Amino acid sequence: MKKLTYGLCASILFSLIGNAQAKAKSENKGISNSAYLAITAENETTKYKFSSIEDLEENGTKILDDITLNSSKIKDENCKAAVEISLTVSNENLSTTVTAAVTANYTEIIEEAKKLQNRLILVVKQ
């Protein structure tokens, strides 16, 4: 009788766990995120692709911090750099892409790009 009771409890427990996992998978089914960050300076473009928005959030700031621009041109007001950020959220029926770019002189581009990244992430997460 004990074996029957334990067997019944184990069967119920495993079925509940399996059902919870199946429900969690079905809620996330079909939703995909992607993003890219493109940096253009001195007629050269570098594009970074990210597999998720969270990946951009974690690594985008690090990439922007590591940018080294031509130090001789930093003080030249005519030298501009551009940063373009694109975020895409897709599911089975709908795909939404938000893209924005900022162009500024070398002294301001990093901070402006970080602000733009944060704004776009907030928009997509809402």
N, C-alpha and C. Protein backbone atom coordinates (compact mmCIF):
# COMPACT_ATOMS: atom_id res chain seq x y z
N MET A 1 0.82 -1.19 0.00
CA MET A 1 0.00 0.00 0.00
C MET A 1 0.86 1.26 0.00
N LYS A 2 1.99 1.22 0.76
CA LYS A 2 2.88 2.37 0.80
C LYS A 2 3.46 2.65 -0.59
N LYS A 3 3.85 1.59 -1.28
CA LYS A 3 4.43 1.76 -2.61
C LYS A 3 3.43 2.38 -3.57
N LEU A 4 2.19 1.97 -3.45
CA LEU A 4 1.15 2.52 -4.30
C LEU A 4 0.94 4.01 -4.01
N THR A 5 0.94 4.38 -2.75
CA THR A 5 0.76 5.78 -2.34
C THR A 5 1.94 6.63 -2.81
N TYR A 6 3.18 6.14 -2.59
CA TYR A 6 4.36 6.88 -3.04
C TYR A 6 4.39 7.00 -4.57
N GLY A 7 4.02 5.94 -5.22
CA GLY A 7 3.98 5.96 -6.69
C GLY A 7 2.96 6.96 -7.20
N LEU A 8 1.80 7.01 -6.56
CA LEU A 8 0.76 7.96 -6.95
C LEU A 8 1.21 9.40 -6.70
N CYS A 9 1.84 9.65 -5.56
CA CYS A 9 2.35 11.01 -5.24
C CYS A 9 3.43 11.42 -6.24
N ALA A 10 4.33 10.50 -6.57
CA ALA A 10 5.40 10.80 -7.53
C ALA A 10 4.82 11.11 -8.90
N SER A 11 3.82 10.35 -9.32
CA SER A 11 3.19 10.58 -10.62
C SER A 11 2.52 11.94 -10.67
N ILE A 12 1.83 12.31 -9.62
CA ILE A 12 1.16 13.63 -9.56
C ILE A 12 2.20 14.73 -9.58
N LEU A 13 3.27 14.57 -8.79
CA LEU A 13 4.31 15.59 -8.72
C LEU A 13 4.97 15.80 -10.08
N PHE A 14 5.35 14.71 -10.77
CA PHE A 14 6.00 14.84 -12.07
C PHE A 14 5.06 15.44 -13.12
N SER A 15 3.79 15.10 -13.04
CA SER A 15 2.86 15.67 -14.02
C SER A 15 2.66 17.17 -13.79
N LEU A 16 2.65 17.60 -12.54
CA LEU A 16 2.52 19.04 -12.24
C LEU A 16 3.75 19.81 -12.71
N ILE A 17 4.93 19.25 -12.47
CA ILE A 17 6.17 19.90 -12.91
C ILE A 17 6.22 19.98 -14.43
N GLY A 18 5.86 18.90 -15.09
CA GLY A 18 5.87 18.88 -16.56
C GLY A 18 4.88 19.88 -17.13
N ASN A 19 3.72 20.00 -16.52
CA ASN A 19 2.69 20.95 -16.98
C ASN A 19 3.17 22.39 -16.81
N ALA A 20 3.83 22.68 -15.68
CA ALA A 20 4.34 24.04 -15.44
C ALA A 20 5.41 24.41 -16.45
N GLN A 21 6.29 23.46 -16.78
CA GLN A 21 7.33 23.73 -17.76
C GLN A 21 6.75 23.94 -19.14
N ALA A 22 5.75 23.15 -19.51
CA ALA A 22 5.11 23.30 -20.82
C ALA A 22 4.42 24.64 -20.93
N LYS A 23 3.80 25.10 -19.84
CA LYS A 23 3.11 26.39 -19.85
C LYS A 23 4.12 27.53 -20.00
N ALA A 24 5.25 27.45 -19.29
CA ALA A 24 6.27 28.48 -19.39
C ALA A 24 6.84 28.55 -20.80
N LYS A 25 7.04 27.41 -21.44
CA LYS A 25 7.56 27.39 -22.80
C LYS A 25 6.56 27.97 -23.79
N SER A 26 5.27 27.68 -23.57
CA SER A 26 4.27 28.19 -24.49
C SER A 26 4.10 29.71 -24.38
N GLU A 27 4.34 30.27 -23.19
CA GLU A 27 4.24 31.73 -23.03
C GLU A 27 5.35 32.44 -23.78
N ASN A 28 6.55 31.85 -23.85
CA ASN A 28 7.68 32.47 -24.53
C ASN A 28 7.82 32.00 -25.97
N LYS A 29 6.95 31.13 -26.41
CA LYS A 29 7.06 30.56 -27.76
C LYS A 29 6.92 31.64 -28.82
N GLY A 30 7.84 31.64 -29.74
CA GLY A 30 7.72 32.54 -30.87
C GLY A 30 8.22 33.95 -30.64
N ILE A 31 8.62 34.31 -29.43
CA ILE A 31 9.12 35.67 -29.19
C ILE A 31 10.63 35.67 -29.37
N SER A 32 11.10 36.55 -30.22
CA SER A 32 12.54 36.66 -30.42
C SER A 32 12.94 38.12 -30.43
N ASN A 33 14.13 38.36 -29.97
CA ASN A 33 14.69 39.71 -29.91
C ASN A 33 16.02 39.73 -30.64
N SER A 34 16.32 40.84 -31.24
CA SER A 34 17.65 41.02 -31.82
C SER A 34 17.97 42.51 -31.82
N ALA A 35 19.23 42.81 -31.95
CA ALA A 35 19.65 44.20 -31.92
C ALA A 35 20.99 44.34 -32.63
N TYR A 36 21.27 45.56 -33.07
CA TYR A 36 22.61 45.85 -33.56
C TYR A 36 23.00 47.27 -33.20
N LEU A 37 24.29 47.48 -33.16
CA LEU A 37 24.89 48.78 -32.84
C LEU A 37 25.92 49.04 -33.92
N ALA A 38 25.75 50.13 -34.66
CA ALA A 38 26.69 50.48 -35.74
C ALA A 38 27.36 51.81 -35.40
N ILE A 39 28.66 51.83 -35.50
CA ILE A 39 29.45 53.03 -35.19
C ILE A 39 30.18 53.45 -36.46
N THR A 40 29.97 54.71 -36.85
CA THR A 40 30.62 55.24 -38.05
C THR A 40 31.49 56.43 -37.65
N ALA A 41 32.76 56.34 -37.98
CA ALA A 41 33.70 57.43 -37.74
C ALA A 41 34.76 57.39 -38.82
N GLU A 42 35.09 58.54 -39.35
CA GLU A 42 36.12 58.66 -40.38
C GLU A 42 35.86 57.72 -41.56
N ASN A 43 34.63 57.70 -42.05
CA ASN A 43 34.21 56.91 -43.20
C ASN A 43 34.40 55.40 -43.01
N GLU A 44 34.43 54.95 -41.77
CA GLU A 44 34.56 53.54 -41.46
C GLU A 44 33.43 53.14 -40.52
N THR A 45 32.71 52.07 -40.87
CA THR A 45 31.57 51.62 -40.06
C THR A 45 31.87 50.25 -39.46
N THR A 46 31.61 50.15 -38.16
CA THR A 46 31.74 48.89 -37.46
C THR A 46 30.36 48.54 -36.91
N LYS A 47 29.91 47.31 -37.21
CA LYS A 47 28.57 46.89 -36.81
C LYS A 47 28.66 45.70 -35.85
N TYR A 48 28.00 45.83 -34.72
CA TYR A 48 27.95 44.76 -33.73
C TYR A 48 26.53 44.23 -33.69
N LYS A 49 26.38 42.90 -33.79
CA LYS A 49 25.06 42.27 -33.74
C LYS A 49 24.90 41.56 -32.40
N PHE A 50 23.69 41.66 -31.86
CA PHE A 50 23.39 41.06 -30.57
C PHE A 50 22.20 40.11 -30.73
N SER A 51 22.24 38.99 -30.02
CA SER A 51 21.18 37.99 -30.14
C SER A 51 19.94 38.34 -29.34
N SER A 52 20.06 39.29 -28.43
CA SER A 52 18.91 39.71 -27.63
C SER A 52 19.10 41.15 -27.16
N ILE A 53 18.02 41.73 -26.72
CA ILE A 53 18.09 43.09 -26.20
C ILE A 53 18.88 43.11 -24.89
N GLU A 54 18.75 42.04 -24.11
CA GLU A 54 19.51 41.94 -22.86
C GLU A 54 21.01 41.90 -23.14
N ASP A 55 21.39 41.23 -24.23
CA ASP A 55 22.79 41.17 -24.64
C ASP A 55 23.30 42.58 -24.99
N LEU A 56 22.49 43.34 -25.71
CA LEU A 56 22.85 44.73 -26.03
C LEU A 56 22.97 45.54 -24.75
N GLU A 57 22.03 45.35 -23.85
CA GLU A 57 22.03 46.11 -22.60
C GLU A 57 23.30 45.83 -21.79
N GLU A 58 23.73 44.57 -21.76
CA GLU A 58 24.92 44.19 -21.00
C GLU A 58 26.21 44.62 -21.68
N ASN A 59 26.29 44.46 -23.01
CA ASN A 59 27.55 44.66 -23.71
C ASN A 59 27.65 45.96 -24.51
N GLY A 60 26.54 46.59 -24.82
CA GLY A 60 26.57 47.81 -25.62
C GLY A 60 27.33 48.94 -24.95
N THR A 61 27.11 49.12 -23.66
CA THR A 61 27.81 50.17 -22.93
C THR A 61 29.31 49.89 -22.88
N LYS A 62 29.67 48.62 -22.70
CA LYS A 62 31.09 48.25 -22.69
C LYS A 62 31.74 48.58 -24.03
N ILE A 63 31.04 48.28 -25.12
CA ILE A 63 31.57 48.58 -26.45
C ILE A 63 31.74 50.08 -26.63
N LEU A 64 30.73 50.84 -26.22
CA LEU A 64 30.83 52.30 -26.35
C LEU A 64 31.97 52.85 -25.50
N ASP A 65 32.17 52.30 -24.31
CA ASP A 65 33.28 52.76 -23.45
C ASP A 65 34.64 52.44 -24.06
N ASP A 66 34.71 51.36 -24.83
CA ASP A 66 35.99 50.94 -25.40
C ASP A 66 36.33 51.63 -26.72
N ILE A 67 35.43 52.47 -27.22
CA ILE A 67 35.70 53.15 -28.49
C ILE A 67 36.87 54.11 -28.30
N THR A 68 37.83 53.98 -29.19
CA THR A 68 38.94 54.92 -29.20
C THR A 68 38.90 55.66 -30.53
N LEU A 69 38.63 56.92 -30.43
CA LEU A 69 38.56 57.75 -31.63
C LEU A 69 39.92 58.42 -31.85
N ASN A 70 40.16 58.84 -33.04
CA ASN A 70 41.42 59.48 -33.40
C ASN A 70 41.65 60.70 -32.50
N SER A 71 42.63 60.59 -31.61
CA SER A 71 42.85 61.64 -30.61
C SER A 71 43.23 62.98 -31.22
N SER A 72 43.84 62.98 -32.39
CA SER A 72 44.22 64.25 -33.02
C SER A 72 42.99 64.99 -33.55
N LYS A 73 41.89 64.29 -33.77
CA LYS A 73 40.70 64.92 -34.32
C LYS A 73 39.63 65.21 -33.27
N ILE A 74 39.86 64.81 -32.03
CA ILE A 74 38.86 65.00 -30.98
C ILE A 74 38.51 66.47 -30.79
N LYS A 75 39.48 67.34 -30.86
CA LYS A 75 39.22 68.77 -30.63
C LYS A 75 38.68 69.48 -31.85
N ASP A 76 38.71 68.82 -32.99
CA ASP A 76 38.20 69.42 -34.23
C ASP A 76 36.68 69.31 -34.24
N GLU A 77 36.00 70.45 -34.18
CA GLU A 77 34.54 70.48 -34.13
C GLU A 77 33.89 69.94 -35.39
N ASN A 78 34.60 69.93 -36.52
CA ASN A 78 34.03 69.45 -37.77
C ASN A 78 34.05 67.93 -37.89
N CYS A 79 34.80 67.24 -37.05
CA CYS A 79 34.87 65.78 -37.10
C CYS A 79 33.69 65.21 -36.33
N LYS A 80 32.88 64.46 -37.04
CA LYS A 80 31.67 63.90 -36.45
C LYS A 80 31.74 62.38 -36.48
N ALA A 81 31.02 61.77 -35.57
CA ALA A 81 30.86 60.32 -35.54
C ALA A 81 29.37 60.05 -35.41
N ALA A 82 28.94 58.88 -35.86
CA ALA A 82 27.53 58.52 -35.79
C ALA A 82 27.39 57.14 -35.16
N VAL A 83 26.34 56.99 -34.38
CA VAL A 83 26.01 55.71 -33.78
C VAL A 83 24.55 55.42 -34.11
N GLU A 84 24.31 54.23 -34.66
CA GLU A 84 22.96 53.80 -34.98
C GLU A 84 22.65 52.55 -34.17
N ILE A 85 21.47 52.54 -33.55
CA ILE A 85 21.05 51.40 -32.73
C ILE A 85 19.69 50.95 -33.24
N SER A 86 19.54 49.64 -33.41
CA SER A 86 18.28 49.07 -33.88
C SER A 86 17.89 47.90 -32.98
N LEU A 87 16.64 47.89 -32.55
CA LEU A 87 16.10 46.82 -31.71
C LEU A 87 14.89 46.22 -32.40
N THR A 88 14.80 44.90 -32.44
CA THR A 88 13.68 44.21 -33.07
C THR A 88 13.10 43.20 -32.09
N VAL A 89 11.78 43.25 -31.95
CA VAL A 89 11.05 42.27 -31.15
C VAL A 89 10.03 41.63 -32.08
N SER A 90 10.05 40.31 -32.15
CA SER A 90 9.17 39.59 -33.07
C SER A 90 8.47 38.45 -32.35
N ASN A 91 7.23 38.18 -32.78
CA ASN A 91 6.55 36.96 -32.38
C ASN A 91 5.93 36.37 -33.63
N GLU A 92 5.03 35.43 -33.47
CA GLU A 92 4.48 34.73 -34.63
C GLU A 92 3.71 35.66 -35.57
N ASN A 93 3.07 36.68 -35.05
CA ASN A 93 2.19 37.52 -35.86
C ASN A 93 2.69 38.94 -36.09
N LEU A 94 3.68 39.39 -35.33
CA LEU A 94 4.05 40.80 -35.36
C LEU A 94 5.56 40.96 -35.19
N SER A 95 6.10 41.91 -35.90
CA SER A 95 7.51 42.25 -35.75
C SER A 95 7.62 43.77 -35.62
N THR A 96 8.29 44.22 -34.57
CA THR A 96 8.45 45.64 -34.34
C THR A 96 9.94 45.97 -34.31
N THR A 97 10.35 46.94 -35.12
CA THR A 97 11.74 47.37 -35.15
C THR A 97 11.78 48.86 -34.83
N VAL A 98 12.65 49.21 -33.90
CA VAL A 98 12.87 50.61 -33.54
C VAL A 98 14.34 50.91 -33.82
N THR A 99 14.57 51.89 -34.68
CA THR A 99 15.94 52.27 -35.04
C THR A 99 16.11 53.76 -34.83
N ALA A 100 17.24 54.13 -34.27
CA ALA A 100 17.54 55.55 -34.07
C ALA A 100 19.04 55.75 -34.23
N ALA A 101 19.41 56.97 -34.58
CA ALA A 101 20.82 57.29 -34.77
C ALA A 101 21.12 58.64 -34.15
N VAL A 102 22.34 58.81 -33.75
CA VAL A 102 22.81 60.09 -33.22
C VAL A 102 24.13 60.42 -33.90
N THR A 103 24.28 61.66 -34.28
CA THR A 103 25.52 62.16 -34.87
C THR A 103 25.99 63.33 -34.02
N ALA A 104 27.24 63.28 -33.62
CA ALA A 104 27.78 64.35 -32.77
C ALA A 104 29.29 64.41 -32.97
N ASN A 105 29.89 65.46 -32.42
CA ASN A 105 31.35 65.54 -32.53
C ASN A 105 31.97 64.51 -31.59
N TYR A 106 33.24 64.29 -31.75
CA TYR A 106 33.93 63.21 -31.04
C TYR A 106 33.83 63.32 -29.52
N THR A 107 33.79 64.52 -29.00
CA THR A 107 33.78 64.68 -27.54
C THR A 107 32.44 64.29 -26.92
N GLU A 108 31.38 64.32 -27.70
CA GLU A 108 30.04 64.07 -27.15
C GLU A 108 29.41 62.75 -27.59
N ILE A 109 29.95 62.08 -28.57
CA ILE A 109 29.27 60.94 -29.19
C ILE A 109 29.05 59.77 -28.22
N ILE A 110 30.00 59.48 -27.37
CA ILE A 110 29.88 58.33 -26.47
C ILE A 110 28.70 58.52 -25.51
N GLU A 111 28.65 59.68 -24.85
CA GLU A 111 27.57 59.94 -23.90
C GLU A 111 26.21 59.99 -24.58
N GLU A 112 26.15 60.60 -25.75
CA GLU A 112 24.88 60.68 -26.47
C GLU A 112 24.42 59.29 -26.93
N ALA A 113 25.36 58.45 -27.34
CA ALA A 113 25.01 57.09 -27.77
C ALA A 113 24.49 56.27 -26.59
N LYS A 114 25.08 56.43 -25.41
CA LYS A 114 24.60 55.72 -24.22
C LYS A 114 23.18 56.16 -23.86
N LYS A 115 22.91 57.44 -23.95
CA LYS A 115 21.56 57.95 -23.67
C LYS A 115 20.56 57.36 -24.67
N LEU A 116 20.94 57.34 -25.94
CA LEU A 116 20.07 56.80 -26.98
C LEU A 116 19.78 55.32 -26.74
N GLN A 117 20.81 54.57 -26.40
CA GLN A 117 20.64 53.14 -26.12
C GLN A 117 19.65 52.93 -24.98
N ASN A 118 19.80 53.67 -23.90
CA ASN A 118 18.92 53.52 -22.75
C ASN A 118 17.47 53.88 -23.10
N ARG A 119 17.29 54.93 -23.88
CA ARG A 119 15.93 55.33 -24.29
C ARG A 119 15.27 54.26 -25.15
N LEU A 120 15.99 53.72 -26.11
CA LEU A 120 15.42 52.70 -26.99
C LEU A 120 15.06 51.43 -26.22
N ILE A 121 15.90 51.04 -25.29
CA ILE A 121 15.62 49.84 -24.49
C ILE A 121 14.36 50.06 -23.66
N LEU A 122 14.21 51.25 -23.09
CA LEU A 122 12.99 51.55 -22.33
C LEU A 122 11.75 51.48 -23.21
N VAL A 123 11.84 52.00 -24.42
CA VAL A 123 10.70 51.99 -25.33
C VAL A 123 10.29 50.57 -25.68
N VAL A 124 11.26 49.74 -25.97
CA VAL A 124 10.96 48.37 -26.40
C VAL A 124 10.44 47.52 -25.24
N LYS A 125 10.92 47.75 -24.03
CA LYS A 125 10.50 46.95 -22.89
C LYS A 125 9.10 47.30 -22.40
N GLN A 126 8.55 48.42 -22.81
CA GLN A 126 7.22 48.81 -22.34
C GLN A 126 6.14 48.09 -23.08
